[in-house]
Amino acid sequence: MTAGDFSCLWPLASRLRAAPSRLSPLASRLSAEQTAAGFTLIELIVVLAILALLVSIAIPRYFAHVDYAKEATLKQDLNVMRDAIDKFYGDKGRYPDTLEELVDSRYIRTIPVDPITESTTTWHIVGPPPDADAKGNVYDVKSGSEGRGRDGTAHADW
C-alpha cells in the first residue's frame, strides 16, 4: 500500500476531527466543564511534594523546641523545689521528711510534674550528707529521668 491508497480516507479523517464540534449543546458544555474544573494529577503531585518538603523541615525543629521547653521547665521546677526546701529549713531548723510535707506546709502548692518523665512520683530525693547534724530526709531533689540534656549532662545530675 502506498500513501495514495489512503487518499480516499482523507475526507473521513477531517470529518472525525470535526465530530466533537457537532455534539449536542449539553455534551459540549459537559466536556468544557470537565476540562476546565479540577487539577491535573501532576499539579497535585507537585503540591504534595512541596508540602512534604516543608513538613520534613518543620517537624524536627518542632520536636527540638519541645525538648528545649521540657528542659527549661525541669530546671525551673528544680529551682522552685530547692528554694522551698531551703525556706523550710530556714523556718523550722530541719529538712522536710517528704515532698508532700512541703505541700502540706504550703511552701509549694503542689509537687510539680517532672516534665521529662511526666510523673510526680519519679523525683529522686537526696538525703542530707552523713556528716551534717540536720534532721529530715529531703536535702535536695533531682529528676528521675535517665536521659541526657542538650548539653550532654544527665538530667539526674541537675
Protein backbone atom coordinates (compact mmCIF):
# COMPACT_ATOMS: atom_id res chain seq x y z
CA MET A 1 0.00 0.00 0.00
CA THR A 2 1.13 3.47 -0.74
CA ALA A 3 0.17 6.85 0.63
CA GLY A 4 -2.05 7.40 -2.36
CA ASP A 5 -4.17 4.39 -1.39
CA PHE A 6 -5.40 6.27 1.69
CA SER A 7 -6.33 9.45 -0.15
CA CYS A 8 -9.92 8.35 -0.26
CA LEU A 9 -9.99 8.29 3.53
CA TRP A 10 -8.80 11.88 3.90
CA PRO A 11 -12.27 13.44 3.90
CA LEU A 12 -13.36 10.91 6.54
CA ALA A 13 -10.45 11.83 8.80
CA SER A 14 -11.29 15.51 8.58
CA ARG A 15 -14.89 14.71 9.49
CA LEU A 16 -13.76 12.73 12.53
CA ARG A 17 -11.69 15.66 13.75
CA ALA A 18 -14.70 17.92 13.34
CA ALA A 19 -17.05 15.47 15.05
CA PRO A 20 -16.67 16.82 18.60
CA SER A 21 -17.99 20.21 17.50
CA ARG A 22 -21.15 18.50 16.24
CA LEU A 23 -22.01 17.24 19.73
CA SER A 24 -25.23 18.32 21.35
CA PRO A 25 -25.03 21.57 23.36
CA LEU A 26 -25.31 19.63 26.63
CA ALA A 27 -22.49 17.26 25.71
CA SER A 28 -20.23 20.09 24.58
CA ARG A 29 -20.95 22.01 27.79
CA LEU A 30 -20.13 18.98 29.95
CA SER A 31 -16.87 18.35 28.20
CA ALA A 32 -15.89 22.04 28.56
CA GLU A 33 -16.70 21.96 32.30
CA GLN A 34 -14.80 18.73 32.80
CA THR A 35 -11.65 20.11 31.24
CA ALA A 36 -11.88 23.50 32.99
CA ALA A 37 -12.58 22.30 36.56
CA GLY A 38 -10.14 20.48 38.85
CA PHE A 39 -6.43 19.92 38.90
CA THR A 40 -4.31 17.55 36.91
CA LEU A 41 -2.55 14.68 38.60
CA ILE A 42 0.83 16.31 38.02
CA GLU A 43 -0.31 19.52 39.74
CA LEU A 44 -1.50 17.56 42.76
CA ILE A 45 1.75 15.60 42.97
CA VAL A 46 3.82 18.80 42.80
CA VAL A 47 1.77 20.42 45.59
CA LEU A 48 2.05 17.31 47.77
CA ALA A 49 5.81 17.17 47.18
CA ILE A 50 6.17 20.81 48.26
CA LEU A 51 4.07 20.17 51.37
CA ALA A 52 6.12 17.09 52.23
CA LEU A 53 9.32 19.11 51.90
CA LEU A 54 8.02 21.85 54.20
CA VAL A 55 6.81 19.34 56.78
CA SER A 56 10.12 17.47 56.71
CA ILE A 57 11.88 20.74 57.55
CA ALA A 58 9.42 21.87 60.23
CA ILE A 59 8.87 18.66 62.24
CA PRO A 60 12.45 18.19 63.52
CA ARG A 61 12.60 21.84 64.57
CA TYR A 62 9.28 21.46 66.39
CA PHE A 63 10.47 18.45 68.39
CA ALA A 64 13.75 20.18 69.21
CA HIS A 65 11.81 23.10 70.66
CA VAL A 66 9.58 20.75 72.65
CA ASP A 67 12.67 19.12 74.19
CA TYR A 68 14.15 22.54 74.93
CA ALA A 69 10.93 23.61 76.68
CA LYS A 70 10.87 20.42 78.77
CA GLU A 71 14.45 21.02 79.91
CA ALA A 72 13.74 24.65 80.77
CA THR A 73 10.68 23.56 82.77
CA LEU A 74 12.71 20.91 84.58
CA LYS A 75 15.36 23.44 85.59
CA GLN A 76 12.69 25.85 86.83
CA ASP A 77 10.87 23.14 88.81
CA LEU A 78 14.13 22.04 90.44
CA ASN A 79 14.93 25.64 91.40
CA VAL A 80 11.46 26.16 92.90
CA MET A 81 11.60 22.95 94.94
CA ARG A 82 15.15 23.61 96.13
CA ASP A 83 14.16 27.11 97.17
CA ALA A 84 11.17 25.71 99.07
CA ILE A 85 13.43 23.15 100.82
CA ASP A 86 15.83 25.93 101.86
CA LYS A 87 12.99 28.10 103.17
CA PHE A 88 11.56 25.13 105.06
CA TYR A 89 14.95 24.53 106.65
CA GLY A 90 15.34 28.22 107.47
CA ASP A 91 11.93 28.37 109.16
CA LYS A 92 11.88 25.04 111.01
CA GLY A 93 15.55 24.20 111.51
CA ARG A 94 15.21 20.82 109.82
CA TYR A 95 14.66 19.43 106.36
CA PRO A 96 11.25 18.04 105.33
CA ASP A 97 10.71 14.31 105.57
CA THR A 98 8.87 14.13 102.22
CA LEU A 99 8.00 16.39 99.35
CA GLU A 100 4.37 16.19 100.46
CA GLU A 101 5.39 17.95 103.68
CA LEU A 102 6.40 20.96 101.58
CA VAL A 103 2.89 20.97 100.12
CA ASP A 104 1.22 20.48 103.50
CA SER A 105 3.24 23.35 105.00
CA ARG A 106 2.36 25.48 101.94
CA TYR A 107 5.90 26.09 100.74
CA ILE A 108 4.77 24.89 97.32
CA ARG A 109 1.22 24.44 96.03
CA THR A 110 1.70 21.01 94.52
CA ILE A 111 4.54 18.69 93.72
CA PRO A 112 5.41 19.57 90.14
CA VAL A 113 5.30 17.02 87.37
CA ASP A 114 8.75 16.04 86.15
CA PRO A 115 8.44 17.22 82.53
CA ILE A 116 10.80 14.55 81.22
CA THR A 117 9.19 11.53 82.91
CA GLU A 118 5.74 13.19 83.06
CA SER A 119 5.15 11.97 86.61
CA THR A 120 5.14 13.45 90.10
CA THR A 121 6.43 10.25 91.67
CA THR A 122 9.77 9.94 89.85
CA TRP A 123 11.66 12.67 91.72
CA HIS A 124 14.83 11.34 93.38
CA ILE A 125 15.18 12.59 96.92
CA VAL A 126 18.69 13.21 98.18
CA GLY A 127 19.14 12.99 101.93
CA PRO A 128 21.42 15.27 103.94
CA PRO A 129 25.14 14.45 103.99
CA PRO A 130 26.10 11.98 106.73
CA ASP A 131 28.38 14.47 108.49
CA ALA A 132 25.61 17.07 108.84
CA ASP A 133 23.58 17.23 112.00
CA ALA A 134 20.47 18.17 110.06
CA LYS A 135 17.25 16.30 110.63
CA GLY A 136 14.87 15.33 107.86
CA ASN A 137 15.09 13.29 104.67
CA VAL A 138 14.78 15.80 101.82
CA TYR A 139 18.05 17.71 101.47
CA ASP A 140 17.87 18.00 97.68
CA VAL A 141 15.73 16.76 94.81
CA LYS A 142 16.75 15.55 91.35
CA SER A 143 14.94 14.38 88.25
CA GLY A 144 14.11 10.71 87.85
CA SER A 145 14.86 10.83 84.14
CA GLU A 146 17.60 8.62 82.77
CA GLY A 147 18.07 10.77 79.68
CA ARG A 148 20.58 13.46 78.85
CA GLY A 149 20.08 17.12 78.24
CA ARG A 150 21.02 19.08 75.14
CA ASP A 151 24.33 19.97 76.79
CA GLY A 152 25.19 16.27 77.28
CA THR A 153 24.77 16.12 81.06
CA ALA A 154 22.38 13.65 82.63
CA HIS A 155 19.05 15.02 83.81
CA ALA A 156 19.60 13.27 87.12
CA ASP A 157 22.72 15.40 87.73
CA TRP A 158 20.95 18.74 87.52
